[in-house]
């Protein structure tokens, strides 16, 4: 009854359940796991616990971009004429806008162009045009730190 109330599983080592208890568990949808080898029980419980852990997220730095000129384009809005200082920048990646060493915005790249063509990514040493989704107060000399968010699990 306790396992049913708390959505738990019952783990048994070198035991057999009482027939009435087994029937009650089956009726209530309680999982009973029986083991004869203790290492199997330990391994299965530890993998189940790892699966229950919430995934963690970390930022993966892609590159740094310097804003060289800001253009106002009708129907598009603000476009930052930029130069990729190191790494790369990809369309759809996250961007931290850094001005005078202070992060003033965290946004996502809406558009990435190389000359007049859309680009999936722009590598180090190339120029590009970048438009952001929300932030529009970009000034010359701002630095865009491009990054992606990656999900990982600790083992």
N, C-alpha and C. Protein backbone atom coordinates (compact mmCIF):
# COMPACT_ATOMS: atom_id res chain seq x y z
N UNK A 1 0.83 -1.20 0.00
CA UNK A 1 0.00 0.00 0.00
C UNK A 1 0.87 1.26 0.00
N UNK A 2 1.99 1.24 0.73
CA UNK A 2 2.88 2.40 0.76
C UNK A 2 3.50 2.64 -0.61
N UNK A 3 3.92 1.56 -1.29
CA UNK A 3 4.51 1.70 -2.62
C UNK A 3 3.50 2.24 -3.62
N UNK A 4 2.26 1.84 -3.49
CA UNK A 4 1.21 2.33 -4.37
C UNK A 4 0.96 3.82 -4.14
N UNK A 5 0.96 4.23 -2.90
CA UNK A 5 0.69 5.63 -2.57
C UNK A 5 1.80 6.56 -3.03
N UNK A 6 3.05 6.06 -3.04
CA UNK A 6 4.18 6.94 -3.37
C UNK A 6 4.79 6.64 -4.74
N UNK A 7 4.10 5.86 -5.55
CA UNK A 7 4.60 5.48 -6.88
C UNK A 7 6.01 4.91 -6.82
N UNK A 8 6.24 4.02 -5.88
CA UNK A 8 7.56 3.43 -5.67
C UNK A 8 7.61 2.04 -6.27
N UNK A 9 8.83 1.52 -6.35
CA UNK A 9 8.99 0.11 -6.73
C UNK A 9 9.45 -0.65 -5.50
N UNK A 10 9.19 -1.94 -5.49
CA UNK A 10 9.61 -2.79 -4.37
C UNK A 10 10.77 -3.64 -4.86
N UNK A 11 11.87 -3.58 -4.12
CA UNK A 11 13.06 -4.33 -4.46
C UNK A 11 13.23 -5.43 -3.43
N UNK A 12 13.38 -6.66 -3.94
CA UNK A 12 13.58 -7.79 -3.04
C UNK A 12 14.86 -8.54 -3.40
N UNK A 13 15.59 -8.97 -2.37
CA UNK A 13 16.82 -9.73 -2.58
C UNK A 13 16.70 -11.05 -1.84
N UNK A 14 16.74 -12.13 -2.62
CA UNK A 14 16.64 -13.49 -2.08
C UNK A 14 15.35 -13.73 -1.29
N UNK A 15 14.25 -13.12 -1.75
CA UNK A 15 12.95 -13.33 -1.11
C UNK A 15 11.92 -13.56 -2.20
N UNK A 16 10.77 -14.08 -1.80
CA UNK A 16 9.63 -14.26 -2.70
C UNK A 16 8.45 -13.53 -2.07
N UNK A 17 7.63 -12.83 -2.86
CA UNK A 17 6.50 -12.13 -2.28
C UNK A 17 5.37 -13.09 -1.90
N UNK A 18 4.63 -12.71 -0.89
CA UNK A 18 3.44 -13.43 -0.48
C UNK A 18 2.45 -13.35 -1.65
N UNK A 19 1.72 -14.46 -1.97
CA UNK A 19 0.80 -14.41 -3.11
C UNK A 19 -0.24 -13.30 -3.03
N UNK A 20 -0.76 -13.03 -1.85
CA UNK A 20 -1.75 -11.97 -1.70
C UNK A 20 -1.10 -10.60 -1.97
N UNK A 21 0.12 -10.40 -1.45
CA UNK A 21 0.83 -9.14 -1.66
C UNK A 21 1.18 -8.97 -3.14
N UNK A 22 1.56 -10.07 -3.80
CA UNK A 22 1.89 -10.00 -5.23
C UNK A 22 0.65 -9.63 -6.04
N UNK A 23 -0.50 -10.19 -5.68
CA UNK A 23 -1.73 -9.87 -6.40
C UNK A 23 -2.14 -8.42 -6.17
N UNK A 24 -2.02 -7.93 -4.91
CA UNK A 24 -2.33 -6.53 -4.61
C UNK A 24 -1.40 -5.58 -5.39
N UNK A 25 -0.13 -5.92 -5.44
CA UNK A 25 0.84 -5.09 -6.17
C UNK A 25 0.51 -5.07 -7.65
N UNK A 26 0.14 -6.22 -8.19
CA UNK A 26 -0.21 -6.30 -9.61
C UNK A 26 -1.47 -5.49 -9.89
N UNK A 27 -2.44 -5.57 -9.02
CA UNK A 27 -3.70 -4.83 -9.20
C UNK A 27 -3.46 -3.32 -9.12
N UNK A 28 -2.60 -2.88 -8.19
CA UNK A 28 -2.34 -1.45 -8.00
C UNK A 28 -1.27 -0.92 -8.94
N UNK A 29 -0.67 -1.77 -9.75
CA UNK A 29 0.35 -1.32 -10.70
C UNK A 29 1.70 -1.04 -10.06
N UNK A 30 1.99 -1.71 -8.95
CA UNK A 30 3.28 -1.54 -8.28
C UNK A 30 4.26 -2.55 -8.86
N UNK A 31 5.44 -2.06 -9.21
CA UNK A 31 6.48 -2.90 -9.80
C UNK A 31 7.27 -3.58 -8.68
N UNK A 32 7.33 -4.91 -8.73
CA UNK A 32 8.14 -5.67 -7.77
C UNK A 32 9.32 -6.25 -8.53
N UNK A 33 10.53 -5.94 -8.06
CA UNK A 33 11.74 -6.46 -8.70
C UNK A 33 12.46 -7.35 -7.71
N UNK A 34 12.69 -8.58 -8.14
CA UNK A 34 13.32 -9.57 -7.27
C UNK A 34 14.68 -9.94 -7.84
N UNK A 35 15.68 -10.02 -6.96
CA UNK A 35 17.05 -10.31 -7.40
C UNK A 35 17.63 -11.44 -6.57
N UNK A 36 18.49 -12.22 -7.22
CA UNK A 36 19.23 -13.25 -6.52
C UNK A 36 20.71 -12.88 -6.46
N UNK A 37 21.12 -11.89 -7.26
CA UNK A 37 22.51 -11.44 -7.26
C UNK A 37 22.50 -9.96 -6.85
N UNK A 38 23.19 -9.66 -5.75
CA UNK A 38 23.13 -8.31 -5.17
C UNK A 38 23.69 -7.26 -6.13
N UNK A 39 24.70 -7.62 -6.93
CA UNK A 39 25.29 -6.64 -7.84
C UNK A 39 24.31 -6.22 -8.94
N UNK A 40 23.43 -7.15 -9.35
CA UNK A 40 22.40 -6.79 -10.32
C UNK A 40 21.43 -5.77 -9.72
N UNK A 41 21.07 -5.97 -8.46
CA UNK A 41 20.16 -5.05 -7.79
C UNK A 41 20.80 -3.67 -7.67
N UNK A 42 22.04 -3.63 -7.25
CA UNK A 42 22.75 -2.34 -7.07
C UNK A 42 22.87 -1.61 -8.40
N UNK A 43 23.24 -2.34 -9.45
CA UNK A 43 23.44 -1.72 -10.75
C UNK A 43 22.13 -1.16 -11.30
N UNK A 44 21.06 -1.93 -11.18
CA UNK A 44 19.78 -1.46 -11.72
C UNK A 44 19.24 -0.26 -10.94
N UNK A 45 19.41 -0.27 -9.63
CA UNK A 45 18.94 0.87 -8.82
C UNK A 45 19.77 2.11 -9.14
N UNK A 46 21.09 1.98 -9.30
CA UNK A 46 21.92 3.15 -9.59
C UNK A 46 21.60 3.72 -10.98
N UNK A 47 21.35 2.86 -11.97
CA UNK A 47 20.99 3.39 -13.30
C UNK A 47 19.61 4.04 -13.26
N UNK A 48 18.69 3.49 -12.45
CA UNK A 48 17.37 4.11 -12.33
C UNK A 48 17.49 5.48 -11.66
N UNK A 49 18.36 5.60 -10.67
CA UNK A 49 18.55 6.88 -9.99
C UNK A 49 19.19 7.90 -10.93
N UNK A 50 20.14 7.49 -11.74
CA UNK A 50 20.76 8.41 -12.69
C UNK A 50 19.74 8.89 -13.71
N UNK A 51 18.83 8.01 -14.11
CA UNK A 51 17.80 8.39 -15.06
C UNK A 51 16.81 9.38 -14.47
N UNK A 52 16.65 9.35 -13.14
CA UNK A 52 15.72 10.26 -12.48
C UNK A 52 16.31 11.64 -12.26
N UNK A 53 17.64 11.75 -12.33
CA UNK A 53 18.28 13.05 -12.12
C UNK A 53 17.89 14.01 -13.23
N UNK A 54 17.66 15.24 -12.88
CA UNK A 54 17.34 16.24 -13.89
C UNK A 54 18.59 16.52 -14.72
N UNK A 55 18.43 16.68 -16.01
CA UNK A 55 19.61 16.98 -16.83
C UNK A 55 20.17 18.35 -16.47
N UNK A 56 21.47 18.50 -16.64
CA UNK A 56 22.12 19.78 -16.36
C UNK A 56 22.48 20.41 -17.69
N UNK A 57 22.64 21.71 -17.66
CA UNK A 57 22.94 22.46 -18.88
C UNK A 57 24.22 23.24 -18.69
N UNK A 58 24.99 23.37 -19.78
CA UNK A 58 26.19 24.20 -19.74
C UNK A 58 26.30 24.96 -21.05
N UNK A 59 26.95 26.11 -20.97
CA UNK A 59 27.16 26.94 -22.15
C UNK A 59 28.43 26.48 -22.85
N UNK A 60 28.36 26.31 -24.17
CA UNK A 60 29.52 25.95 -24.98
C UNK A 60 29.85 27.16 -25.84
N UNK A 61 31.00 27.76 -25.57
CA UNK A 61 31.41 28.97 -26.30
C UNK A 61 31.71 28.62 -27.75
N UNK A 62 31.17 29.41 -28.68
CA UNK A 62 31.42 29.21 -30.10
C UNK A 62 32.42 30.21 -30.64
N UNK A 63 32.26 31.48 -30.31
CA UNK A 63 33.16 32.48 -30.83
C UNK A 63 32.84 33.87 -30.34
N UNK A 64 33.72 34.83 -30.72
CA UNK A 64 33.54 36.23 -30.35
C UNK A 64 33.45 37.04 -31.63
N UNK A 65 32.50 37.98 -31.64
CA UNK A 65 32.24 38.79 -32.83
C UNK A 65 32.26 40.26 -32.41
N UNK A 66 32.93 41.10 -33.19
CA UNK A 66 32.97 42.53 -32.90
C UNK A 66 32.04 43.26 -33.86
N UNK A 67 31.22 44.16 -33.31
CA UNK A 67 30.33 44.98 -34.14
C UNK A 67 31.15 46.14 -34.69
N UNK A 68 31.23 46.24 -36.02
CA UNK A 68 32.02 47.29 -36.65
C UNK A 68 31.14 48.45 -37.12
N UNK A 69 29.91 48.15 -37.53
CA UNK A 69 29.00 49.20 -37.99
C UNK A 69 27.57 48.72 -37.79
N UNK A 70 26.67 49.66 -37.51
CA UNK A 70 25.27 49.32 -37.29
C UNK A 70 24.43 49.94 -38.40
N UNK A 71 23.59 49.13 -39.03
CA UNK A 71 22.74 49.58 -40.13
C UNK A 71 21.29 49.48 -39.69
N UNK A 72 20.50 50.48 -40.06
CA UNK A 72 19.05 50.40 -39.87
C UNK A 72 18.45 50.12 -41.23
N UNK A 73 17.81 48.98 -41.36
CA UNK A 73 17.22 48.57 -42.65
C UNK A 73 15.72 48.45 -42.47
N UNK A 74 14.97 49.09 -43.37
CA UNK A 74 13.51 49.03 -43.26
C UNK A 74 13.04 47.60 -43.47
N UNK A 75 11.99 47.22 -42.82
CA UNK A 75 11.39 45.87 -42.83
C UNK A 75 12.26 44.83 -42.11
N UNK A 76 13.48 45.16 -41.75
CA UNK A 76 14.35 44.21 -41.05
C UNK A 76 14.66 44.72 -39.65
N UNK A 77 14.96 46.02 -39.57
CA UNK A 77 15.34 46.60 -38.29
C UNK A 77 16.84 46.81 -38.24
N UNK A 78 17.41 46.56 -37.09
CA UNK A 78 18.83 46.78 -36.88
C UNK A 78 19.64 45.58 -37.36
N UNK A 79 20.72 45.86 -38.12
CA UNK A 79 21.65 44.81 -38.53
C UNK A 79 23.04 45.26 -38.12
N UNK A 80 23.76 44.38 -37.42
CA UNK A 80 25.10 44.69 -36.96
C UNK A 80 26.10 44.16 -37.98
N UNK A 81 26.81 45.08 -38.63
CA UNK A 81 27.89 44.69 -39.51
C UNK A 81 29.05 44.27 -38.64
N UNK A 82 29.43 43.01 -38.69
CA UNK A 82 30.32 42.43 -37.69
C UNK A 82 31.51 41.71 -38.31
N UNK A 83 32.52 41.49 -37.46
CA UNK A 83 33.73 40.76 -37.86
C UNK A 83 33.96 39.67 -36.82
N UNK A 84 34.12 38.43 -37.26
CA UNK A 84 34.32 37.31 -36.34
C UNK A 84 35.78 37.30 -35.89
N UNK A 85 36.00 37.62 -34.60
CA UNK A 85 37.36 37.70 -34.06
C UNK A 85 37.99 36.33 -33.87
N UNK A 86 37.24 35.41 -33.27
CA UNK A 86 37.74 34.04 -33.12
C UNK A 86 36.57 33.07 -33.03
N UNK A 87 36.83 31.81 -33.33
CA UNK A 87 35.78 30.79 -33.33
C UNK A 87 34.87 30.95 -34.52
N UNK A 88 33.59 30.80 -34.28
CA UNK A 88 32.60 30.93 -35.35
C UNK A 88 31.29 31.38 -34.74
N UNK A 89 30.38 31.80 -35.60
CA UNK A 89 29.05 32.17 -35.16
C UNK A 89 28.07 31.43 -36.08
N UNK A 90 27.00 30.88 -35.50
CA UNK A 90 26.04 30.11 -36.28
C UNK A 90 24.66 30.75 -36.15
N UNK A 91 23.85 30.55 -37.17
CA UNK A 91 22.49 31.07 -37.14
C UNK A 91 21.71 30.33 -36.06
N UNK A 92 20.97 31.06 -35.26
CA UNK A 92 20.16 30.43 -34.22
C UNK A 92 20.87 30.23 -32.90
N UNK A 93 22.16 30.56 -32.83
CA UNK A 93 22.87 30.37 -31.56
C UNK A 93 22.53 31.52 -30.60
N UNK A 94 22.82 31.33 -29.35
CA UNK A 94 22.61 32.36 -28.34
C UNK A 94 23.76 33.36 -28.41
N UNK A 95 23.50 34.60 -27.98
CA UNK A 95 24.52 35.65 -28.01
C UNK A 95 24.43 36.48 -26.74
N UNK A 96 25.59 36.72 -26.12
CA UNK A 96 25.69 37.69 -25.04
C UNK A 96 26.24 38.97 -25.65
N UNK A 97 25.57 40.09 -25.44
CA UNK A 97 26.05 41.37 -25.94
C UNK A 97 26.87 42.01 -24.82
N UNK A 98 28.17 42.22 -25.08
CA UNK A 98 29.08 42.77 -24.07
C UNK A 98 29.50 44.16 -24.51
N UNK A 99 29.29 45.14 -23.64
CA UNK A 99 29.70 46.52 -23.90
C UNK A 99 30.54 46.98 -22.71
N UNK A 100 31.75 47.40 -22.97
CA UNK A 100 32.69 47.86 -21.94
C UNK A 100 32.86 46.82 -20.84
N UNK A 101 32.94 45.54 -21.22
CA UNK A 101 33.17 44.46 -20.26
C UNK A 101 31.97 44.05 -19.46
N UNK A 102 30.81 44.61 -19.75
CA UNK A 102 29.58 44.29 -19.00
C UNK A 102 28.57 43.66 -19.95
N UNK A 103 27.98 42.55 -19.52
CA UNK A 103 26.93 41.90 -20.33
C UNK A 103 25.67 42.75 -20.21
N UNK A 104 25.23 43.30 -21.35
CA UNK A 104 24.04 44.15 -21.30
C UNK A 104 22.80 43.45 -21.86
N UNK A 105 23.00 42.35 -22.57
CA UNK A 105 21.84 41.63 -23.11
C UNK A 105 22.22 40.18 -23.39
N UNK A 106 21.22 39.33 -23.39
CA UNK A 106 21.37 37.93 -23.76
C UNK A 106 20.24 37.64 -24.74
N UNK A 107 20.58 37.32 -25.97
CA UNK A 107 19.58 37.19 -27.02
C UNK A 107 19.93 36.03 -27.93
N UNK A 108 19.14 35.88 -28.98
CA UNK A 108 19.35 34.81 -29.95
C UNK A 108 19.51 35.45 -31.33
N UNK A 109 20.36 34.85 -32.15
CA UNK A 109 20.57 35.37 -33.49
C UNK A 109 19.36 35.02 -34.35
N UNK A 110 18.76 36.06 -34.95
CA UNK A 110 17.60 35.84 -35.82
C UNK A 110 18.04 35.68 -37.26
N UNK A 111 19.05 36.45 -37.67
CA UNK A 111 19.51 36.38 -39.06
C UNK A 111 21.01 36.51 -39.14
N UNK A 112 21.61 35.74 -40.03
CA UNK A 112 23.05 35.76 -40.23
C UNK A 112 23.29 35.79 -41.73
N UNK A 113 23.94 36.86 -42.21
CA UNK A 113 24.16 37.00 -43.64
C UNK A 113 25.63 37.24 -43.92
N UNK A 114 26.05 36.75 -45.05
CA UNK A 114 27.39 37.00 -45.56
C UNK A 114 27.16 37.65 -46.92
N UNK A 115 27.54 38.92 -47.04
CA UNK A 115 27.15 39.77 -48.17
C UNK A 115 25.62 39.78 -48.23
N UNK A 116 25.00 39.34 -49.30
CA UNK A 116 23.53 39.37 -49.36
C UNK A 116 22.92 37.99 -49.16
N UNK A 117 23.76 36.98 -48.94
CA UNK A 117 23.28 35.60 -48.84
C UNK A 117 23.14 35.19 -47.38
N UNK A 118 22.08 34.40 -47.11
CA UNK A 118 21.94 33.81 -45.77
C UNK A 118 23.08 32.83 -45.55
N UNK A 119 23.57 32.78 -44.31
CA UNK A 119 24.66 31.87 -43.97
C UNK A 119 24.26 31.04 -42.76
N UNK A 120 24.66 29.78 -42.76
CA UNK A 120 24.42 28.92 -41.59
C UNK A 120 25.44 29.24 -40.51
N UNK A 121 26.69 29.47 -40.92
CA UNK A 121 27.73 29.84 -39.97
C UNK A 121 28.77 30.68 -40.68
N UNK A 122 29.45 31.51 -39.90
CA UNK A 122 30.53 32.34 -40.41
C UNK A 122 31.74 32.10 -39.52
N UNK A 123 32.88 31.81 -40.15
CA UNK A 123 34.09 31.42 -39.42
C UNK A 123 34.95 32.63 -39.08
N UNK A 124 35.97 32.37 -38.29
CA UNK A 124 36.92 33.39 -37.85
C UNK A 124 37.57 34.09 -39.03
N UNK A 125 37.68 35.42 -38.92
CA UNK A 125 38.33 36.21 -39.96
C UNK A 125 37.41 36.71 -41.05
N UNK A 126 36.13 36.42 -40.97
CA UNK A 126 35.18 36.86 -42.00
C UNK A 126 34.22 37.89 -41.42
N UNK A 127 33.64 38.68 -42.32
CA UNK A 127 32.64 39.67 -41.93
C UNK A 127 31.25 39.12 -42.20
N UNK A 128 30.28 39.63 -41.45
CA UNK A 128 28.91 39.16 -41.63
C UNK A 128 27.94 40.21 -41.09
N UNK A 129 26.69 40.04 -41.41
CA UNK A 129 25.63 40.87 -40.87
C UNK A 129 24.80 40.04 -39.92
N UNK A 130 24.56 40.56 -38.73
CA UNK A 130 23.84 39.82 -37.70
C UNK A 130 22.65 40.64 -37.23
N UNK A 131 21.48 40.02 -37.21
CA UNK A 131 20.31 40.65 -36.59
C UNK A 131 19.87 39.78 -35.42
N UNK A 132 19.50 40.42 -34.32
CA UNK A 132 19.08 39.72 -33.11
C UNK A 132 17.56 39.72 -33.01
N UNK A 133 17.03 38.77 -32.24
CA UNK A 133 15.57 38.65 -32.12
C UNK A 133 14.94 39.81 -31.37
N UNK A 134 15.46 40.14 -30.18
CA UNK A 134 14.79 41.13 -29.34
C UNK A 134 15.61 42.41 -29.16
N UNK A 135 16.89 42.27 -28.90
CA UNK A 135 17.73 43.42 -28.55
C UNK A 135 18.08 44.22 -29.79
N UNK A 136 17.85 45.55 -29.74
CA UNK A 136 18.12 46.37 -30.93
C UNK A 136 19.03 47.56 -30.64
N UNK A 137 19.45 47.73 -29.39
CA UNK A 137 20.29 48.88 -29.03
C UNK A 137 21.78 48.52 -29.16
N UNK A 138 22.17 48.03 -30.32
CA UNK A 138 23.56 47.63 -30.55
C UNK A 138 24.34 48.85 -30.99
N UNK A 139 25.58 48.97 -30.49
CA UNK A 139 26.43 50.09 -30.86
C UNK A 139 27.76 49.55 -31.40
N UNK A 140 28.45 50.39 -32.18
CA UNK A 140 29.76 50.01 -32.70
C UNK A 140 30.69 49.73 -31.53
N UNK A 141 31.49 48.69 -31.67
CA UNK A 141 32.42 48.31 -30.60
C UNK A 141 31.88 47.27 -29.65
N UNK A 142 30.58 46.96 -29.73
CA UNK A 142 30.02 45.89 -28.89
C UNK A 142 30.64 44.56 -29.30
N UNK A 143 30.71 43.64 -28.36
CA UNK A 143 31.21 42.29 -28.63
C UNK A 143 30.04 41.32 -28.45
N UNK A 144 29.85 40.46 -29.43
CA UNK A 144 28.87 39.38 -29.31
C UNK A 144 29.63 38.12 -28.94
N UNK A 145 29.27 37.51 -27.84
CA UNK A 145 29.84 36.20 -27.46
C UNK A 145 28.81 35.15 -27.85
N UNK A 146 29.13 34.40 -28.90
CA UNK A 146 28.20 33.37 -29.40
C UNK A 146 28.40 32.09 -28.61
N UNK A 147 27.28 31.46 -28.23
CA UNK A 147 27.36 30.20 -27.49
C UNK A 147 26.10 29.38 -27.74
N UNK A 148 26.20 28.11 -27.43
CA UNK A 148 25.03 27.23 -27.45
C UNK A 148 24.88 26.61 -26.07
N UNK A 149 23.68 26.17 -25.76
CA UNK A 149 23.41 25.52 -24.48
C UNK A 149 23.33 24.03 -24.73
N UNK A 150 24.14 23.27 -23.97
CA UNK A 150 24.23 21.83 -24.16
C UNK A 150 23.72 21.12 -22.91
N UNK A 151 22.94 20.08 -23.12
CA UNK A 151 22.42 19.27 -22.00
C UNK A 151 23.39 18.12 -21.75
N UNK A 152 23.69 17.87 -20.47
CA UNK A 152 24.58 16.77 -20.14
C UNK A 152 24.13 16.12 -18.85
N UNK A 153 24.60 14.91 -18.65
CA UNK A 153 24.29 14.18 -17.41
C UNK A 153 25.60 13.77 -16.75
N UNK A 154 25.62 13.87 -15.43
CA UNK A 154 26.81 13.43 -14.69
C UNK A 154 26.65 11.95 -14.37
N UNK A 155 27.70 11.20 -14.57
CA UNK A 155 27.65 9.76 -14.26
C UNK A 155 28.30 9.47 -12.93
